Amino acid sequence: MPSYAQPPDVDFGAATTLFTPTGTGEGYWVGAPCVHRHDGRTYLAVRWRTPDDRGHEVTIHEYDDGDVRQVASITASDLGVVSIERAALCTNPQTNALQCYLPVDRGGNDWVITKLADVATPAELDPGTARTVLTPDPGGTDSGTVKDPVIVTVGGRYYMFYAGFDGVSERAHLATSVDGDTWRKHPDNPLLGRDYWHDHHTRVSTVIPASSAPTWLVFYDGSGVSDTGRTWNLRTGVAVSPDLEQITDTCSDGPVYAAPTADRATGISTFGTCRYLDVLVHEDRWELFAEVAREDESFELRRAVTPTPE
């Protein structure tokens, strides 16, 4: 019997390093990639973090087959916030303008999602135009924080997957919009539960159409309650969705991607981090980007290339 919508077999231990952290050890992270095609060019957004400065900068690079050239920088200081996490880039389907969304900590773990004014190119992004577009919902499943947006547009409709914290852990949530500015949270949030190997954290990392079936592949980050560093030591699982609003987990027995430093599939006691996966789809191949743990417990940004899954 044929098997459809299978994720590619990728070894992130053998992947190419694109960026290395500025120090060694826990808390030195570079990654949280967002890759996006806009107006004939491809851009890669990267978050930089240290233990002292936390997420202090997002850099945006023009990207071409492993080559990167920085074209923009946005710092936490520019935004007047304590920390920045993963950026989301998308293109306004009506105006073709570039849009940039940034999750920020305004202080005391007060995470909200902000949006900069629409521009033609990344170099024109202005931190002074940032305004809040999504906040926690008191009493809801995202009552603590909202962060780490992943945005796709289908036709003229926006789908924002984000991590919502309820006081216990983060789980994958969805909000939709018709203009990219005003968002409505999905009534069935959260979309993924605390189950199996990911009975602590879950958050969507990227969403792409499957190449072999009329469905969406939903890659997500997950961790278990018994994992070391369960808040940030996440590995990648995969689910499927027929409509971007219903998600069915397909890897309950363990993640599909983890760093080679992982000692086992569940309940890991080492940093097996392979998180924030994003995919650049070509006609004949996929480029996969992820933030991956190194032996010294820092995280770096790696790139793997694989034929398009059949």
Protein backbone atom coordinates (compact mmCIF):
# COMPACT_ATOMS: atom_id res chain seq x y z
CA MET A 1 0.00 0.00 0.00
CA PRO A 2 1.44 3.43 -0.91
CA SER A 3 2.48 5.80 1.87
CA TYR A 4 1.68 9.47 1.32
CA ALA A 5 2.83 12.82 2.72
CA GLN A 6 6.00 11.41 4.25
CA PRO A 7 8.61 13.87 5.58
CA PRO A 8 12.07 13.53 4.02
CA ASP A 9 14.74 11.50 5.75
CA VAL A 10 17.21 14.17 6.90
CA ASP A 11 20.30 13.87 9.10
CA PHE A 12 20.85 17.25 10.73
CA GLY A 13 24.12 15.94 12.16
CA ALA A 14 25.47 15.97 8.61
CA ALA A 15 23.84 19.28 7.67
CA THR A 16 25.81 22.39 6.71
CA THR A 17 26.36 25.07 9.34
CA LEU A 18 25.17 28.50 8.19
CA PHE A 19 25.67 30.47 11.43
CA THR A 20 27.44 29.69 14.71
CA PRO A 21 26.59 31.25 18.08
CA THR A 22 28.69 34.00 19.59
CA GLY A 23 29.70 31.84 22.57
CA THR A 24 29.72 28.29 23.86
CA GLY A 25 27.42 26.64 26.35
CA GLU A 26 23.76 26.75 27.29
CA GLY A 27 21.91 29.90 26.22
CA TYR A 28 24.13 30.83 23.26
CA TRP A 29 21.72 30.34 20.39
CA VAL A 30 21.58 31.41 16.77
CA GLY A 31 18.75 30.29 14.52
CA ALA A 32 14.96 30.52 14.78
CA PRO A 33 15.07 30.76 10.96
CA CYS A 34 12.33 32.12 8.74
CA VAL A 35 12.93 31.71 5.01
CA HIS A 36 10.66 33.59 2.62
CA ARG A 37 10.50 34.36 -1.10
CA HIS A 38 9.47 37.92 -1.87
CA ASP A 39 9.45 39.84 -5.15
CA GLY A 40 11.85 37.47 -6.90
CA ARG A 41 14.33 37.22 -4.01
CA THR A 42 14.71 34.87 -1.05
CA TYR A 43 15.26 36.19 2.46
CA LEU A 44 16.37 34.42 5.62
CA ALA A 45 15.64 35.93 9.05
CA VAL A 46 17.84 34.77 11.94
CA ARG A 47 17.55 35.37 15.71
CA TRP A 48 20.68 35.87 17.85
CA ARG A 49 20.73 35.16 21.61
CA THR A 50 23.15 35.11 24.55
CA PRO A 51 22.48 34.19 28.20
CA ASP A 52 22.90 37.80 29.32
CA ASP A 53 21.29 39.70 26.43
CA ARG A 54 18.71 37.04 25.58
CA GLY A 55 17.21 37.51 22.10
CA HIS A 56 18.95 40.77 21.31
CA GLU A 57 18.86 40.88 17.50
CA VAL A 58 17.17 39.58 14.37
CA THR A 59 19.19 39.83 11.17
CA ILE A 60 17.70 39.44 7.70
CA HIS A 61 19.80 38.11 4.86
CA GLU A 62 19.39 37.80 1.13
CA TYR A 63 19.78 34.08 0.52
CA ASP A 64 20.85 32.00 -2.49
CA ASP A 65 21.74 28.30 -2.30
CA GLY A 66 23.71 28.51 0.95
CA ASP A 67 25.11 31.99 0.38
CA VAL A 68 23.91 34.77 2.72
CA ARG A 69 24.28 38.54 2.61
CA GLN A 70 22.91 40.64 5.48
CA VAL A 71 20.49 43.34 4.36
CA ALA A 72 18.76 44.37 7.60
CA SER A 73 19.06 44.23 11.39
CA ILE A 74 16.43 44.77 14.09
CA THR A 75 17.53 44.84 17.73
CA ALA A 76 15.66 44.59 21.00
CA SER A 77 17.07 48.03 21.81
CA ASP A 78 15.60 49.43 18.57
CA LEU A 79 12.19 48.12 19.63
CA GLY A 80 12.50 49.20 23.27
CA VAL A 81 11.94 45.63 24.51
CA VAL A 82 13.84 43.08 26.59
CA SER A 83 14.02 40.25 24.06
CA ILE A 84 13.00 39.20 20.53
CA GLU A 85 12.28 35.68 19.35
CA ARG A 86 11.58 34.15 15.94
CA ALA A 87 10.55 36.59 13.21
CA ALA A 88 7.85 35.79 10.64
CA LEU A 89 8.13 37.23 7.13
CA CYS A 90 5.28 37.13 4.63
CA THR A 91 4.00 38.99 1.58
CA ASN A 92 0.73 40.88 1.59
CA PRO A 93 -1.34 39.01 -1.03
CA GLN A 94 -3.21 42.17 -2.02
CA THR A 95 -0.41 44.76 -2.19
CA ASN A 96 2.69 42.56 -2.61
CA ALA A 97 4.35 44.45 0.26
CA LEU A 98 6.77 42.69 2.62
CA GLN A 99 5.47 42.17 6.16
CA CYS A 100 7.47 41.40 9.30
CA TYR A 101 6.05 40.10 12.59
CA LEU A 102 8.16 39.92 15.76
CA PRO A 103 7.39 38.33 19.14
CA VAL A 104 8.80 40.55 21.88
CA ASP A 105 9.14 40.45 25.66
CA ARG A 106 8.19 43.88 26.96
CA GLY A 107 9.60 42.94 30.39
CA GLY A 108 8.80 40.34 33.04
CA ASN A 109 8.01 37.64 30.47
CA ASP A 110 5.30 39.84 28.94
CA TRP A 111 5.37 38.34 25.43
CA VAL A 112 3.20 39.77 22.64
CA ILE A 113 3.41 39.65 18.84
CA THR A 114 4.15 42.90 17.03
CA LYS A 115 4.10 43.90 13.37
CA LEU A 116 6.25 46.46 11.56
CA ALA A 117 4.84 48.69 8.84
CA ASP A 118 4.68 47.09 5.39
CA VAL A 119 7.67 47.83 3.13
CA ALA A 120 9.05 46.97 -0.30
CA THR A 121 12.37 45.48 0.90
CA PRO A 122 13.84 44.33 4.25
CA ALA A 123 16.22 47.29 4.30
CA GLU A 124 13.20 49.57 4.73
CA LEU A 125 11.85 47.83 7.84
CA ASP A 126 11.49 50.43 10.61
CA PRO A 127 11.41 49.29 14.27
CA GLY A 128 9.76 52.60 15.14
CA THR A 129 6.59 51.46 13.36
CA ALA A 130 6.11 48.33 15.51
CA ARG A 131 2.65 47.86 16.95
CA THR A 132 1.08 45.00 18.88
CA VAL A 133 -1.26 42.75 16.86
CA LEU A 134 -1.72 39.73 19.15
CA THR A 135 -1.84 39.52 22.96
CA PRO A 136 -2.61 36.81 25.54
CA ASP A 137 -6.25 36.07 26.32
CA PRO A 138 -6.93 36.14 30.08
CA GLY A 139 -8.59 32.89 31.05
CA GLY A 140 -7.75 31.28 27.71
CA THR A 141 -5.26 28.61 26.72
CA ASP A 142 -2.81 31.39 25.81
CA SER A 143 -3.36 33.42 28.98
CA GLY A 144 0.34 33.79 29.79
CA THR A 145 2.18 34.65 26.60
CA VAL A 146 1.91 34.58 22.80
CA LYS A 147 5.03 34.24 20.66
CA ASP A 148 6.85 32.55 17.76
CA PRO A 149 4.44 33.26 14.87
CA VAL A 150 4.48 31.22 11.67
CA ILE A 151 2.40 32.85 8.92
CA VAL A 152 1.13 31.52 5.60
CA THR A 153 -1.38 33.07 3.24
CA VAL A 154 -3.82 31.09 1.12
CA GLY A 155 -5.65 33.24 -1.37
CA GLY A 156 -6.30 36.43 0.58
CA ARG A 157 -6.51 34.75 4.00
CA TYR A 158 -3.75 34.76 6.61
CA TYR A 159 -3.07 31.86 8.97
CA MET A 160 -0.86 32.60 11.97
CA PHE A 161 0.32 29.63 14.02
CA TYR A 162 1.74 30.75 17.35
CA ALA A 163 2.82 29.38 20.72
CA GLY A 164 0.41 30.18 23.55
CA PHE A 165 1.41 29.67 27.19
CA ASP A 166 -1.27 28.85 29.76
CA GLY A 167 0.86 28.86 32.89
CA VAL A 168 1.95 25.23 32.49
CA SER A 169 3.53 25.02 29.03
CA GLU A 170 3.29 26.31 25.47
CA ARG A 171 0.95 24.70 22.97
CA ALA A 172 0.28 25.29 19.27
CA HIS A 173 -2.44 27.85 18.54
CA LEU A 174 -3.96 29.43 15.43
CA ALA A 175 -5.26 32.89 14.55
CA THR A 176 -6.62 34.03 11.18
CA SER A 177 -6.91 37.37 9.42
CA VAL A 178 -8.08 38.91 6.17
CA ASP A 179 -5.69 41.88 6.28
CA GLY A 180 -2.67 40.81 8.35
CA ASP A 181 -3.41 43.42 11.00
CA THR A 182 -6.55 42.27 12.81
CA TRP A 183 -6.53 38.68 14.01
CA ARG A 184 -9.20 36.27 15.23
CA LYS A 185 -8.14 33.35 17.42
CA HIS A 186 -9.40 29.92 16.41
CA PRO A 187 -12.23 28.59 18.60
CA ASP A 188 -10.65 25.11 18.82
CA ASN A 189 -7.29 26.26 20.23
CA PRO A 190 -4.93 24.68 21.09
CA LEU A 191 -4.42 22.61 17.94
CA LEU A 192 -2.00 20.09 19.49
CA GLY A 193 -2.34 18.63 22.96
CA ARG A 194 0.07 17.53 25.65
CA ASP A 195 0.49 13.96 24.47
CA TYR A 196 3.02 11.20 23.85
CA TRP A 197 6.66 12.35 23.70
CA HIS A 198 5.54 15.99 23.57
CA ASP A 199 3.53 16.04 26.78
CA HIS A 200 5.03 19.41 27.71
CA HIS A 201 5.65 21.94 24.91
CA THR A 202 4.30 22.04 21.34
CA ARG A 203 4.48 24.81 18.75
CA VAL A 204 4.18 24.84 14.96
CA SER A 205 7.49 25.50 13.22
CA THR A 206 6.46 25.51 9.55
CA VAL A 207 3.55 24.53 7.31
CA ILE A 208 3.97 23.45 3.67
CA PRO A 209 1.88 21.57 1.10
CA ALA A 210 2.74 17.88 0.87
CA SER A 211 4.16 16.91 -2.50
CA SER A 212 2.35 13.56 -2.75
CA ALA A 213 -1.12 14.14 -1.25
CA PRO A 214 -3.77 16.88 -1.00
CA THR A 215 -2.79 17.82 2.54
CA TRP A 216 -0.50 20.13 4.48
CA LEU A 217 2.56 18.95 6.34
CA VAL A 218 2.66 20.66 9.73
CA PHE A 219 6.09 20.44 11.34
CA TYR A 220 6.08 21.22 15.04
CA ASP A 221 8.47 21.53 17.97
CA GLY A 222 7.85 19.33 21.00
CA SER A 223 9.30 18.34 24.36
CA GLY A 224 8.37 16.03 27.23
CA VAL A 225 7.99 16.66 30.94
CA SER A 226 10.93 14.35 31.65
CA ASP A 227 13.27 16.02 29.13
CA THR A 228 16.27 18.01 30.29
CA GLY A 229 15.68 21.71 29.56
CA ARG A 230 12.15 20.93 28.43
CA THR A 231 11.29 24.61 27.88
CA TRP A 232 13.82 25.08 25.07
CA ASN A 233 15.19 21.58 24.35
CA LEU A 234 12.66 20.81 21.62
CA ARG A 235 12.77 18.35 18.73
CA THR A 236 10.75 18.27 15.52
CA GLY A 237 7.62 16.23 14.88
CA VAL A 238 5.21 16.22 11.95
CA ALA A 239 1.42 16.32 11.66
CA VAL A 240 -0.98 16.69 8.74
CA SER A 241 -3.86 19.07 8.11
CA PRO A 242 -6.54 19.11 5.39
CA ASP A 243 -7.44 22.77 5.88
CA LEU A 244 -4.87 24.44 8.21
CA GLU A 245 -7.49 24.44 10.98
CA GLN A 246 -7.49 20.77 12.00
CA ILE A 247 -4.21 19.06 12.82
CA THR A 248 -3.60 15.32 13.24
CA ASP A 249 -0.33 14.19 14.80
CA THR A 250 1.45 11.48 12.78
CA CYS A 251 4.49 10.69 14.94
CA SER A 252 3.23 9.83 18.38
CA ASP A 253 6.12 7.42 18.96
CA GLY A 254 8.84 10.08 18.74
CA PRO A 255 10.20 13.05 16.81
CA VAL A 256 11.24 12.86 13.16
CA TYR A 257 14.28 15.15 13.58
CA ALA A 258 16.64 15.58 16.52
CA ALA A 259 20.25 16.63 16.99
CA PRO A 260 22.76 13.76 16.98
CA THR A 261 23.51 14.68 20.60
CA ALA A 262 20.12 13.22 21.67
CA ASP A 263 20.57 10.08 23.76
CA ARG A 264 17.12 8.61 23.05
CA ALA A 265 13.77 9.47 21.50
CA THR A 266 11.87 10.31 24.69
CA GLY A 267 12.85 11.53 28.12
CA ILE A 268 16.18 12.81 26.84
CA SER A 269 18.87 13.81 29.33
CA THR A 270 21.05 15.62 26.78
CA PHE A 271 20.38 18.52 24.45
CA GLY A 272 18.89 16.91 21.35
CA THR A 273 17.48 20.21 20.17
CA CYS A 274 16.35 20.45 16.55
CA ARG A 275 13.77 23.21 16.47
CA TYR A 276 12.27 26.09 14.50
CA LEU A 277 12.40 24.05 11.27
CA ASP A 278 11.63 25.95 8.08
CA VAL A 279 11.60 24.69 4.50
CA LEU A 280 12.36 26.33 1.16
CA VAL A 281 10.62 24.30 -1.54
CA HIS A 282 12.12 24.06 -5.05
CA GLU A 283 10.82 22.04 -7.99
CA ASP A 284 13.32 19.23 -7.45
CA ARG A 285 14.53 19.61 -3.86
CA TRP A 286 13.82 20.96 -0.40
CA GLU A 287 16.17 23.08 1.67
CA LEU A 288 15.54 22.59 5.38
CA PHE A 289 16.76 25.04 8.02
CA ALA A 290 16.79 24.35 11.76
CA GLU A 291 18.36 25.47 15.02
CA VAL A 292 20.37 22.46 16.21
CA ALA A 293 22.22 21.61 19.43
CA ARG A 294 26.01 21.30 19.42
CA GLU A 295 28.08 19.14 21.75
CA ASP A 296 28.87 22.18 23.94
CA GLU A 297 25.08 22.76 24.49
CA SER A 298 24.96 25.91 22.39
CA PHE A 299 22.71 25.95 19.30
CA GLU A 300 23.64 26.78 15.71
CA LEU A 301 21.74 27.26 12.45
CA ARG A 302 22.10 24.38 10.00
CA ARG A 303 20.88 23.73 6.45
CA ALA A 304 20.13 20.37 4.83
CA VAL A 305 19.20 19.69 1.20
CA THR A 306 17.12 16.71 0.14
CA PRO A 307 15.23 15.63 -3.00
CA THR A 308 11.55 16.49 -3.03
CA PRO A 309 9.74 13.73 -1.12
CA GLU A 310 7.84 11.38 -3.42
